Amino acid sequence: MVIRAVTSERRDYYLGPAADEETERVLDEAVASLAVARNMGSGGAGVELHLLVSLLAEAESRLARAVGVARDCGYSWAQVADLLGVTRASAWQRYARRTERSPGEE
């Protein structure tokens, strides 16, 4: 599936996340896989909570990098915002400092 940012001038729509049964299945598999990797087995609610928070922290870190890559590929802040499901201002405020390079930085 290819997702492209909407290029209309009007900013009254947002794509938002596409959480569905497939997303749930993949996340369940990720939690189970991480439990095996950390030798945690099926330790109940506390273990699942710890594993979900671990995956969330990694996803947030990767999200910032993905925003930077999208910007490097020429995506505007409006397009990035559409893909994040937020306003342009929110996307810029949250990620600009984490993605913009200093002059002379590779």
PDB file of N, CA and C in Angstrom:
ATOM      1  N   MET A   1       0.849  -1.174   0.000  1.00  0.00           N
ATOM      2  CA  MET A   1       0.000   0.000   0.000  1.00  0.00           C
ATOM      3  C   MET A   1       0.894   1.237   0.000  1.00  0.00           C
ATOM      4  N   VAL A   2       0.628   2.155  -0.904  1.00  0.00           N
ATOM      5  CA  VAL A   2       1.369   3.407  -0.981  1.00  0.00           C
ATOM      6  C   VAL A   2       0.503   4.503  -0.389  1.00  0.00           C
ATOM      7  N   ILE A   3       1.074   5.271   0.530  1.00  0.00           N
ATOM      8  CA  ILE A   3       0.355   6.384   1.141  1.00  0.00           C
ATOM      9  C   ILE A   3       1.063   7.661   0.737  1.00  0.00           C
ATOM     10  N   ARG A   4       0.332   8.552   0.167  1.00  0.00           N
ATOM     11  CA  ARG A   4       0.890   9.830  -0.239  1.00  0.00           C
ATOM     12  C   ARG A   4       0.179  10.934   0.513  1.00  0.00           C
ATOM     13  N   ALA A   5       0.923  11.964   0.821  1.00  0.00           N
ATOM     14  CA  ALA A   5       0.317  13.116   1.473  1.00  0.00           C
ATOM     15  C   ALA A   5      -0.581  13.832   0.470  1.00  0.00           C
ATOM     16  N   VAL A   6      -1.656  14.367   0.950  1.00  0.00           N
ATOM     17  CA  VAL A   6      -2.588  15.107   0.117  1.00  0.00           C
ATOM     18  C   VAL A   6      -1.977  16.471  -0.180  1.00  0.00           C
ATOM     19  N   THR A   7      -2.123  16.923  -1.423  1.00  0.00           N
ATOM     20  CA  THR A   7      -1.439  18.152  -1.820  1.00  0.00           C
ATOM     21  C   THR A   7      -2.365  19.339  -1.994  1.00  0.00           C
ATOM     22  N   SER A   8      -3.607  19.227  -1.596  1.00  0.00           N
ATOM     23  CA  SER A   8      -4.542  20.339  -1.699  1.00  0.00           C
ATOM     24  C   SER A   8      -4.106  21.476  -0.779  1.00  0.00           C
ATOM     25  N   GLU A   9      -4.457  22.690  -1.145  1.00  0.00           N
ATOM     26  CA  GLU A   9      -4.130  23.850  -0.325  1.00  0.00           C
ATOM     27  C   GLU A   9      -4.943  23.886   0.965  1.00  0.00           C
ATOM     28  N   ARG A  10      -6.130  23.321   0.935  1.00  0.00           N
ATOM     29  CA  ARG A  10      -7.009  23.377   2.087  1.00  0.00           C
ATOM     30  C   ARG A  10      -6.520  22.425   3.180  1.00  0.00           C
ATOM     31  N   ARG A  11      -6.439  22.885   4.408  1.00  0.00           N
ATOM     32  CA  ARG A  11      -5.858  22.103   5.492  1.00  0.00           C
ATOM     33  C   ARG A  11      -6.916  21.681   6.516  1.00  0.00           C
ATOM     34  N   ASP A  12      -8.055  21.177   6.092  1.00  0.00           N
ATOM     35  CA  ASP A  12      -9.087  20.787   7.043  1.00  0.00           C
ATOM     36  C   ASP A  12      -9.281  19.267   7.101  1.00  0.00           C
ATOM     37  N   TYR A  13      -8.256  18.514   6.741  1.00  0.00           N
ATOM     38  CA  TYR A  13      -8.339  17.062   6.753  1.00  0.00           C
ATOM     39  C   TYR A  13      -7.011  16.510   7.247  1.00  0.00           C
ATOM     40  N   TYR A  14      -7.038  15.353   7.808  1.00  0.00           N
ATOM     41  CA  TYR A  14      -5.826  14.681   8.263  1.00  0.00           C
ATOM     42  C   TYR A  14      -6.034  13.193   8.036  1.00  0.00           C
ATOM     43  N   LEU A  15      -5.004  12.504   7.616  1.00  0.00           N
ATOM     44  CA  LEU A  15      -5.136  11.088   7.313  1.00  0.00           C
ATOM     45  C   LEU A  15      -5.284  10.244   8.572  1.00  0.00           C
ATOM     46  N   GLY A  16      -4.555  10.589   9.600  1.00  0.00           N
ATOM     47  CA  GLY A  16      -4.627   9.835  10.845  1.00  0.00           C
ATOM     48  C   GLY A  16      -4.076   8.435  10.710  1.00  0.00           C
ATOM     49  N   PRO A  17      -3.819   7.800  11.824  1.00  0.00           N
ATOM     50  CA  PRO A  17      -3.260   6.450  11.787  1.00  0.00           C
ATOM     51  C   PRO A  17      -4.292   5.445  11.284  1.00  0.00           C
ATOM     52  N   ALA A  18      -3.802   4.401  10.653  1.00  0.00           N
ATOM     53  CA  ALA A  18      -4.668   3.349  10.116  1.00  0.00           C
ATOM     54  C   ALA A  18      -4.518   2.108  10.982  1.00  0.00           C
ATOM     55  N   ALA A  19      -5.095   2.132  12.170  1.00  0.00           N
ATOM     56  CA  ALA A  19      -5.050   0.972  13.061  1.00  0.00           C
ATOM     57  C   ALA A  19      -6.219   0.056  12.709  1.00  0.00           C
ATOM     58  N   ASP A  20      -5.883  -1.190  12.426  1.00  0.00           N
ATOM     59  CA  ASP A  20      -6.906  -2.156  12.043  1.00  0.00           C
ATOM     60  C   ASP A  20      -6.502  -3.540  12.532  1.00  0.00           C
ATOM     61  N   GLU A  21      -7.185  -4.560  12.065  1.00  0.00           N
ATOM     62  CA  GLU A  21      -6.878  -5.929  12.490  1.00  0.00           C
ATOM     63  C   GLU A  21      -5.455  -6.327  12.128  1.00  0.00           C
ATOM     64  N   GLU A  22      -4.984  -5.895  10.973  1.00  0.00           N
ATOM     65  CA  GLU A  22      -3.619  -6.221  10.563  1.00  0.00           C
ATOM     66  C   GLU A  22      -2.606  -5.558  11.496  1.00  0.00           C
ATOM     67  N   THR A  23      -2.855  -4.311  11.858  1.00  0.00           N
ATOM     68  CA  THR A  23      -1.978  -3.607  12.794  1.00  0.00           C
ATOM     69  C   THR A  23      -1.949  -4.340  14.127  1.00  0.00           C
ATOM     70  N   GLU A  24      -3.108  -4.747  14.597  1.00  0.00           N
ATOM     71  CA  GLU A  24      -3.205  -5.473  15.869  1.00  0.00           C
ATOM     72  C   GLU A  24      -2.423  -6.779  15.813  1.00  0.00           C
ATOM     73  N   ARG A  25      -2.554  -7.505  14.701  1.00  0.00           N
ATOM     74  CA  ARG A  25      -1.837  -8.776  14.543  1.00  0.00           C
ATOM     75  C   ARG A  25      -0.333  -8.566  14.567  1.00  0.00           C
ATOM     76  N   VAL A  26       0.135  -7.556  13.851  1.00  0.00           N
ATOM     77  CA  VAL A  26       1.574  -7.284  13.801  1.00  0.00           C
ATOM     78  C   VAL A  26       2.096  -6.889  15.183  1.00  0.00           C
ATOM     79  N   LEU A  27       1.331  -6.078  15.906  1.00  0.00           N
ATOM     80  CA  LEU A  27       1.754  -5.664  17.239  1.00  0.00           C
ATOM     81  C   LEU A  27       1.758  -6.850  18.206  1.00  0.00           C
ATOM     82  N   ASP A  28       0.757  -7.712  18.104  1.00  0.00           N
ATOM     83  CA  ASP A  28       0.739  -8.916  18.938  1.00  0.00           C
ATOM     84  C   ASP A  28       1.983  -9.764  18.679  1.00  0.00           C
ATOM     85  N   GLU A  29       2.343  -9.910  17.404  1.00  0.00           N
ATOM     86  CA  GLU A  29       3.536 -10.679  17.046  1.00  0.00           C
ATOM     87  C   GLU A  29       4.799 -10.013  17.578  1.00  0.00           C
ATOM     88  N   ALA A  30       4.854  -8.684  17.526  1.00  0.00           N
ATOM     89  CA  ALA A  30       6.020  -7.958  18.032  1.00  0.00           C
ATOM     90  C   ALA A  30       6.164  -8.137  19.542  1.00  0.00           C
ATOM     91  N   VAL A  31       5.048  -8.053  20.263  1.00  0.00           N
ATOM     92  CA  VAL A  31       5.081  -8.246  21.717  1.00  0.00           C
ATOM     93  C   VAL A  31       5.556  -9.665  22.038  1.00  0.00           C
ATOM     94  N   ALA A  32       5.008 -10.652  21.361  1.00  0.00           N
ATOM     95  CA  ALA A  32       5.402 -12.044  21.605  1.00  0.00           C
ATOM     96  C   ALA A  32       6.866 -12.271  21.267  1.00  0.00           C
ATOM     97  N   SER A  33       7.320 -11.705  20.158  1.00  0.00           N
ATOM     98  CA  SER A  33       8.712 -11.859  19.743  1.00  0.00           C
ATOM     99  C   SER A  33       9.669 -11.210  20.739  1.00  0.00           C
ATOM    100  N   LEU A  34       9.317 -10.025  21.228  1.00  0.00           N
ATOM    101  CA  LEU A  34      10.165  -9.333  22.200  1.00  0.00           C
ATOM    102  C   LEU A  34      10.190 -10.099  23.518  1.00  0.00           C
ATOM    103  N   ALA A  35       9.070 -10.680  23.904  1.00  0.00           N
ATOM    104  CA  ALA A  35       9.027 -11.486  25.130  1.00  0.00           C
ATOM    105  C   ALA A  35       9.978 -12.671  25.025  1.00  0.00           C
ATOM    106  N   VAL A  36      10.000 -13.318  23.868  1.00  0.00           N
ATOM    107  CA  VAL A  36      10.913 -14.441  23.651  1.00  0.00           C
ATOM    108  C   VAL A  36      12.356 -13.951  23.673  1.00  0.00           C
ATOM    109  N   ALA A  37      12.626 -12.854  22.984  1.00  0.00           N
ATOM    110  CA  ALA A  37      13.992 -12.317  22.917  1.00  0.00           C
ATOM    111  C   ALA A  37      14.521 -11.941  24.296  1.00  0.00           C
ATOM    112  N   ARG A  38      13.633 -11.466  25.158  1.00  0.00           N
ATOM    113  CA  ARG A  38      14.039 -11.061  26.512  1.00  0.00           C
ATOM    114  C   ARG A  38      13.815 -12.168  27.539  1.00  0.00           C
ATOM    115  N   ASN A  39      13.423 -13.344  27.054  1.00  0.00           N
ATOM    116  CA  ASN A  39      13.193 -14.499  27.920  1.00  0.00           C
ATOM    117  C   ASN A  39      12.210 -14.177  29.037  1.00  0.00           C
ATOM    118  N   MET A  40      11.114 -13.494  28.669  1.00  0.00           N
ATOM    119  CA  MET A  40      10.120 -13.085  29.653  1.00  0.00           C
ATOM    120  C   MET A  40       8.887 -13.978  29.637  1.00  0.00           C
ATOM    121  N   GLY A  41       8.756 -14.829  28.639  1.00  0.00           N
ATOM    122  CA  GLY A  41       7.612 -15.722  28.580  1.00  0.00           C
ATOM    123  C   GLY A  41       6.297 -14.970  28.600  1.00  0.00           C
ATOM    124  N   SER A  42       5.268 -15.608  29.118  1.00  0.00           N
ATOM    125  CA  SER A  42       3.962 -14.952  29.233  1.00  0.00           C
ATOM    126  C   SER A  42       3.750 -14.610  30.700  1.00  0.00           C
ATOM    127  N   GLY A  43       4.343 -13.521  31.120  1.00  0.00           N
ATOM    128  CA  GLY A  43       4.339 -13.138  32.529  1.00  0.00           C
ATOM    129  C   GLY A  43       3.168 -12.304  32.964  1.00  0.00           C
ATOM    130  N   GLY A  44       2.146 -12.208  32.162  1.00  0.00           N
ATOM    131  CA  GLY A  44       0.958 -11.495  32.582  1.00  0.00           C
ATOM    132  C   GLY A  44       0.948 -10.030  32.189  1.00  0.00           C
ATOM    133  N   ALA A  45       0.069  -9.300  32.850  1.00  0.00           N
ATOM    134  CA  ALA A  45      -0.195  -7.909  32.495  1.00  0.00           C
ATOM    135  C   ALA A  45       1.034  -7.022  32.646  1.00  0.00           C
ATOM    136  N   GLY A  46       1.813  -7.230  33.682  1.00  0.00           N
ATOM    137  CA  GLY A  46       3.005  -6.394  33.904  1.00  0.00           C
ATOM    138  C   GLY A  46       4.040  -6.567  32.805  1.00  0.00           C
ATOM    139  N   VAL A  47       4.243  -7.808  32.393  1.00  0.00           N
ATOM    140  CA  VAL A  47       5.191  -8.077  31.314  1.00  0.00           C
ATOM    141  C   VAL A  47       4.693  -7.457  30.018  1.00  0.00           C
ATOM    142  N   GLU A  48       3.403  -7.646  29.706  1.00  0.00           N
ATOM    143  CA  GLU A  48       2.861  -7.065  28.473  1.00  0.00           C
ATOM    144  C   GLU A  48       2.979  -5.545  28.493  1.00  0.00           C
ATOM    145  N   LEU A  49       2.690  -4.930  29.628  1.00  0.00           N
ATOM    146  CA  LEU A  49       2.808  -3.475  29.747  1.00  0.00           C
ATOM    147  C   LEU A  49       4.239  -3.028  29.483  1.00  0.00           C
ATOM    148  N   HIS A  50       5.205  -3.706  30.093  1.00  0.00           N
ATOM    149  CA  HIS A  50       6.621  -3.369  29.895  1.00  0.00           C
ATOM    150  C   HIS A  50       7.021  -3.518  28.422  1.00  0.00           C
ATOM    151  N   LEU A  51       6.579  -4.594  27.793  1.00  0.00           N
ATOM    152  CA  LEU A  51       6.930  -4.830  26.396  1.00  0.00           C
ATOM    153  C   LEU A  51       6.296  -3.792  25.478  1.00  0.00           C
ATOM    154  N   LEU A  52       5.042  -3.437  25.719  1.00  0.00           N
ATOM    155  CA  LEU A  52       4.374  -2.418  24.908  1.00  0.00           C
ATOM    156  C   LEU A  52       5.062  -1.057  25.044  1.00  0.00           C
ATOM    157  N   VAL A  53       5.442  -0.693  26.261  1.00  0.00           N
ATOM    158  CA  VAL A  53       6.129   0.582  26.468  1.00  0.00           C
ATOM    159  C   VAL A  53       7.490   0.561  25.773  1.00  0.00           C
ATOM    160  N   SER A  54       8.166  -0.574  25.803  1.00  0.00           N
ATOM    161  CA  SER A  54       9.451  -0.692  25.102  1.00  0.00           C
ATOM    162  C   SER A  54       9.276  -0.504  23.602  1.00  0.00           C
ATOM    163  N   LEU A  55       8.258  -1.138  23.033  1.00  0.00           N
ATOM    164  CA  LEU A  55       7.985  -0.994  21.597  1.00  0.00           C
ATOM    165  C   LEU A  55       7.563   0.427  21.257  1.00  0.00           C
ATOM    166  N   LEU A  56       6.781   1.045  22.130  1.00  0.00           N
ATOM    167  CA  LEU A  56       6.350   2.421  21.919  1.00  0.00           C
ATOM    168  C   LEU A  56       7.547   3.375  21.908  1.00  0.00           C
ATOM    169  N   ALA A  57       8.473   3.198  22.820  1.00  0.00           N
ATOM    170  CA  ALA A  57       9.664   4.052  22.875  1.00  0.00           C
ATOM    171  C   ALA A  57      10.486   3.915  21.594  1.00  0.00           C
ATOM    172  N   GLU A  58      10.633   2.688  21.115  1.00  0.00           N
ATOM    173  CA  GLU A  58      11.381   2.472  19.862  1.00  0.00           C
ATOM    174  C   GLU A  58      10.647   3.089  18.686  1.00  0.00           C
ATOM    175  N   ALA A  59       9.323   2.932  18.646  1.00  0.00           N
ATOM    176  CA  ALA A  59       8.531   3.503  17.545  1.00  0.00           C
ATOM    177  C   ALA A  59       8.633   5.027  17.537  1.00  0.00           C
ATOM    178  N   GLU A  60       8.581   5.653  18.708  1.00  0.00           N
ATOM    179  CA  GLU A  60       8.690   7.112  18.773  1.00  0.00           C
ATOM    180  C   GLU A  60      10.053   7.585  18.283  1.00  0.00           C
ATOM    181  N   SER A  61      11.101   6.855  18.640  1.00  0.00           N
ATOM    182  CA  SER A  61      12.436   7.190  18.168  1.00  0.00           C
ATOM    183  C   SER A  61      12.528   7.059  16.649  1.00  0.00           C
ATOM    184  N   ARG A  62      11.973   5.992  16.122  1.00  0.00           N
ATOM    185  CA  ARG A  62      11.987   5.781  14.669  1.00  0.00           C
ATOM    186  C   ARG A  62      11.112   6.786  13.942  1.00  0.00           C
ATOM    187  N   LEU A  63      10.036   7.208  14.578  1.00  0.00           N
ATOM    188  CA  LEU A  63       9.152   8.183  13.960  1.00  0.00           C
ATOM    189  C   LEU A  63       9.885   9.492  13.712  1.00  0.00           C
ATOM    190  N   ALA A  64      10.648   9.949  14.680  1.00  0.00           N
ATOM    191  CA  ALA A  64      11.422  11.179  14.497  1.00  0.00           C
ATOM    192  C   ALA A  64      12.411  11.030  13.343  1.00  0.00           C
ATOM    193  N   ARG A  65      13.062   9.878  13.265  1.00  0.00           N
ATOM    194  CA  ARG A  65      13.999   9.642  12.149  1.00  0.00           C
ATOM    195  C   ARG A  65      13.259   9.590  10.825  1.00  0.00           C
ATOM    196  N   ALA A  66      12.090   8.964  10.799  1.00  0.00           N
ATOM    197  CA  ALA A  66      11.310   8.872   9.565  1.00  0.00           C
ATOM    198  C   ALA A  66      10.855  10.251   9.096  1.00  0.00           C
ATOM    199  N   VAL A  67      10.493  11.121  10.025  1.00  0.00           N
ATOM    200  CA  VAL A  67      10.142  12.496   9.664  1.00  0.00           C
ATOM    201  C   VAL A  67      11.353  13.173   9.022  1.00  0.00           C
ATOM    202  N   GLY A  68      12.520  12.998   9.600  1.00  0.00           N
ATOM    203  CA  GLY A  68      13.738  13.579   9.034  1.00  0.00           C
ATOM    204  C   GLY A  68      14.021  13.066   7.632  1.00  0.00           C
ATOM    205  N   VAL A  69      13.853  11.774   7.424  1.00  0.00           N
ATOM    206  CA  VAL A  69      14.075  11.190   6.097  1.00  0.00           C
ATOM    207  C   VAL A  69      13.057  11.756   5.104  1.00  0.00           C
ATOM    208  N   ALA A  70      11.801  11.848   5.526  1.00  0.00           N
ATOM    209  CA  ALA A  70      10.776  12.408   4.639  1.00  0.00           C
ATOM    210  C   ALA A  70      11.120  13.843   4.255  1.00  0.00           C
ATOM    211  N   ARG A  71      11.566  14.632   5.225  1.00  0.00           N
ATOM    212  CA  ARG A  71      11.956  16.015   4.930  1.00  0.00           C
ATOM    213  C   ARG A  71      13.148  16.038   3.973  1.00  0.00           C
ATOM    214  N   ASP A  72      14.127  15.157   4.189  1.00  0.00           N
ATOM    215  CA  ASP A  72      15.291  15.064   3.290  1.00  0.00           C
ATOM    216  C   ASP A  72      14.877  14.670   1.881  1.00  0.00           C
ATOM    217  N   CYS A  73      13.775  13.927   1.756  1.00  0.00           N
ATOM    218  CA  CYS A  73      13.269  13.497   0.450  1.00  0.00           C
ATOM    219  C   CYS A  73      12.368  14.539  -0.197  1.00  0.00           C
ATOM    220  N   GLY A  74      12.206  15.684   0.451  1.00  0.00           N
ATOM    221  CA  GLY A  74      11.459  16.768  -0.153  1.00  0.00           C
ATOM    222  C   GLY A  74      10.021  16.926   0.296  1.00  0.00           C
ATOM    223  N   TYR A  75       9.586  16.155   1.268  1.00  0.00           N
ATOM    224  CA  TYR A  75       8.233  16.324   1.790  1.00  0.00           C
ATOM    225  C   TYR A  75       8.139  17.659   2.525  1.00  0.00           C
ATOM    226  N   SER A  76       7.063  18.374   2.280  1.00  0.00           N
ATOM    227  CA  SER A  76       6.830  19.630   3.002  1.00  0.00           C
ATOM    228  C   SER A  76       6.330  19.304   4.406  1.00  0.00           C
ATOM    229  N   TRP A  77       6.357  20.311   5.287  1.00  0.00           N
ATOM    230  CA  TRP A  77       5.807  20.103   6.621  1.00  0.00           C
ATOM    231  C   TRP A  77       4.315  19.797   6.548  1.00  0.00           C
ATOM    232  N   ALA A  78       3.609  20.376   5.585  1.00  0.00           N
ATOM    233  CA  ALA A  78       2.182  20.086   5.423  1.00  0.00           C
ATOM    234  C   ALA A  78       1.968  18.623   5.044  1.00  0.00           C
ATOM    235  N   GLN A  79       2.796  18.091   4.150  1.00  0.00           N
ATOM    236  CA  GLN A  79       2.675  16.689   3.759  1.00  0.00           C
ATOM    237  C   GLN A  79       3.019  15.758   4.922  1.00  0.00           C
ATOM    238  N   VAL A  80       4.081  16.093   5.652  1.00  0.00           N
ATOM    239  CA  VAL A  80       4.453  15.299   6.829  1.00  0.00           C
ATOM    240  C   VAL A  80       3.307  15.304   7.830  1.00  0.00           C
ATOM    241  N   ALA A  81       2.719  16.475   8.056  1.00  0.00           N
ATOM    242  CA  ALA A  81       1.611  16.598   9.000  1.00  0.00           C
ATOM    243  C   ALA A  81       0.437  15.732   8.574  1.00  0.00           C
ATOM    244  N   ASP A  82       0.124  15.715   7.283  1.00  0.00           N
ATOM    245  CA  ASP A  82      -0.961  14.870   6.785  1.00  0.00           C
ATOM    246  C   ASP A  82      -0.708  13.404   7.124  1.00  0.00           C
ATOM    247  N   LEU A  83       0.507  12.956   6.926  1.00  0.00           N
ATOM    248  CA  LEU A  83       0.841  11.560   7.191  1.00  0.00           C
ATOM    249  C   LEU A  83       0.839  11.237   8.682  1.00  0.00           C
ATOM    250  N   LEU A  84       1.148  12.229   9.513  1.00  0.00           N
ATOM    251  CA  LEU A  84       1.112  12.040  10.961  1.00  0.00           C
ATOM    252  C   LEU A  84      -0.295  12.181  11.531  1.00  0.00           C
ATOM    253  N   GLY A  85      -1.192  12.782  10.754  1.00  0.00           N
ATOM    254  CA  GLY A  85      -2.551  12.996  11.228  1.00  0.00           C
ATOM    255  C   GLY A  85      -2.669  14.167  12.188  1.00  0.00           C
ATOM    256  N   VAL A  86      -1.812  15.168  11.993  1.00  0.00           N
ATOM    257  CA  VAL A  86      -1.805  16.358  12.846  1.00  0.00           C
ATOM    258  C   VAL A  86      -1.754  17.597  11.965  1.00  0.00           C
ATOM    259  N   THR A  87      -1.776  18.760  12.583  1.00  0.00           N
ATOM    260  CA  THR A  87      -1.639  19.990  11.817  1.00  0.00           C
ATOM    261  C   THR A  87      -0.185  20.203  11.444  1.00  0.00           C
ATOM    262  N   ARG A  88       0.025  21.055  10.436  1.00  0.00           N
ATOM    263  CA  ARG A  88       1.375  21.395  10.011  1.00  0.00           C
ATOM    264  C   ARG A  88       2.159  21.999  11.173  1.00  0.00           C
ATOM    265  N   ALA A  89       1.508  22.903  11.911  1.00  0.00           N
ATOM    266  CA  ALA A  89       2.171  23.557  13.040  1.00  0.00           C
ATOM    267  C   ALA A  89       2.577  22.538  14.106  1.00  0.00           C
ATOM    268  N   SER A  90       1.710  21.575  14.375  1.00  0.00           N
ATOM    269  CA  SER A  90       2.036  20.547  15.370  1.00  0.00           C
ATOM    270  C   SER A  90       3.220  19.693  14.931  1.00  0.00           C
ATOM    271  N   ALA A  91       3.225  19.306  13.664  1.00  0.00           N
ATOM    272  CA  ALA A  91       4.338  18.501  13.148  1.00  0.00           C
ATOM    273  C   ALA A  91       5.639  19.275  13.246  1.00  0.00           C
ATOM    274  N   TRP A  92       5.607  20.524  12.819  1.00  0.00           N
ATOM    275  CA  TRP A  92       6.827  21.332  12.847  1.00  0.00           C
ATOM    276  C   TRP A  92       7.301  21.534  14.283  1.00  0.00           C
ATOM    277  N   GLN A  93       6.370  21.854  15.178  1.00  0.00           N
ATOM    278  CA  GLN A  93       6.734  22.113  16.572  1.00  0.00           C
ATOM    279  C   GLN A  93       7.353  20.882  17.224  1.00  0.00           C
ATOM    280  N   ARG A  94       6.802  19.722  16.934  1.00  0.00           N
ATOM    281  CA  ARG A  94       7.289  18.503  17.579  1.00  0.00           C
ATOM    282  C   ARG A  94       8.600  17.986  16.987  1.00  0.00           C
ATOM    283  N   TYR A  95       8.784  18.129  15.663  1.00  0.00           N
ATOM    284  CA  TYR A  95       9.907  17.455  15.011  1.00  0.00           C
ATOM    285  C   TYR A  95      10.970  18.351  14.401  1.00  0.00           C
ATOM    286  N   ALA A  96      10.717  19.631  14.238  1.00  0.00           N
ATOM    287  CA  ALA A  96      11.676  20.481  13.522  1.00  0.00           C
ATOM    288  C   ALA A  96      13.051  20.458  14.175  1.00  0.00           C
ATOM    289  N   ARG A  97      13.121  20.615  15.467  1.00  0.00           N
ATOM    290  CA  ARG A  97      14.428  20.633  16.141  1.00  0.00           C
ATOM    291  C   ARG A  97      15.109  19.283  16.100  1.00  0.00           C
ATOM    292  N   ARG A  98      14.341  18.224  15.992  1.00  0.00           N
ATOM    293  CA  ARG A  98      14.904  16.878  15.983  1.00  0.00           C
ATOM    294  C   ARG A  98      15.299  16.425  14.594  1.00  0.00           C
ATOM    295  N   THR A  99      14.879  17.166  13.564  1.00  0.00           N
ATOM    296  CA  THR A  99      15.137  16.713  12.194  1.00  0.00           C
ATOM    297  C   THR A  99      15.973  17.674  11.374  1.00  0.00           C
ATOM    298  N   GLU A 100      15.946  18.958  11.696  1.00  0.00           N
ATOM    299  CA  GLU A 100      16.690  19.932  10.900  1.00  0.00           C
ATOM    300  C   GLU A 100      18.181  19.788  11.180  1.00  0.00           C
ATOM    301  N   ARG A 101      18.958  19.890  10.131  1.00  0.00           N
ATOM    302  CA  ARG A 101      20.417  19.790  10.263  1.00  0.00           C
ATOM    303  C   ARG A 101      21.015  21.173  10.440  1.00  0.00           C
ATOM    304  N   SER A 102      22.111  21.210  11.154  1.00  0.00           N
ATOM    305  CA  SER A 102      22.850  22.465  11.261  1.00  0.00           C
ATOM    306  C   SER A 102      23.625  22.676   9.977  1.00  0.00           C
ATOM    307  N   PRO A 103      23.931  23.922   9.613  1.00  0.00           N
ATOM    308  CA  PRO A 103      24.721  24.172   8.401  1.00  0.00           C
ATOM    309  C   PRO A 103      26.047  23.398   8.461  1.00  0.00           C
ATOM    310  N   GLY A 104      26.370  22.745   7.366  1.00  0.00           N
ATOM    311  CA  GLY A 104      27.629  21.996   7.282  1.00  0.00           C
ATOM    312  C   GLY A 104      27.511  20.569   7.793  1.00  0.00           C
ATOM    313  N   GLU A 105      26.353  20.176   8.343  1.00  0.00           N
ATOM    314  CA  GLU A 105      26.176  18.841   8.862  1.00  0.00           C
ATOM    315  C   GLU A 105      25.757  17.918   7.707  1.00  0.00           C
ATOM    316  N   GLU A 106      26.314  16.751   7.628  1.00  0.00           N
ATOM    317  CA  GLU A 106      26.009  15.794   6.563  1.00  0.00           C
ATOM    318  C   GLU A 106      24.750  15.043   6.854  1.00  0.00           C
TER     319      GLU A 106
END
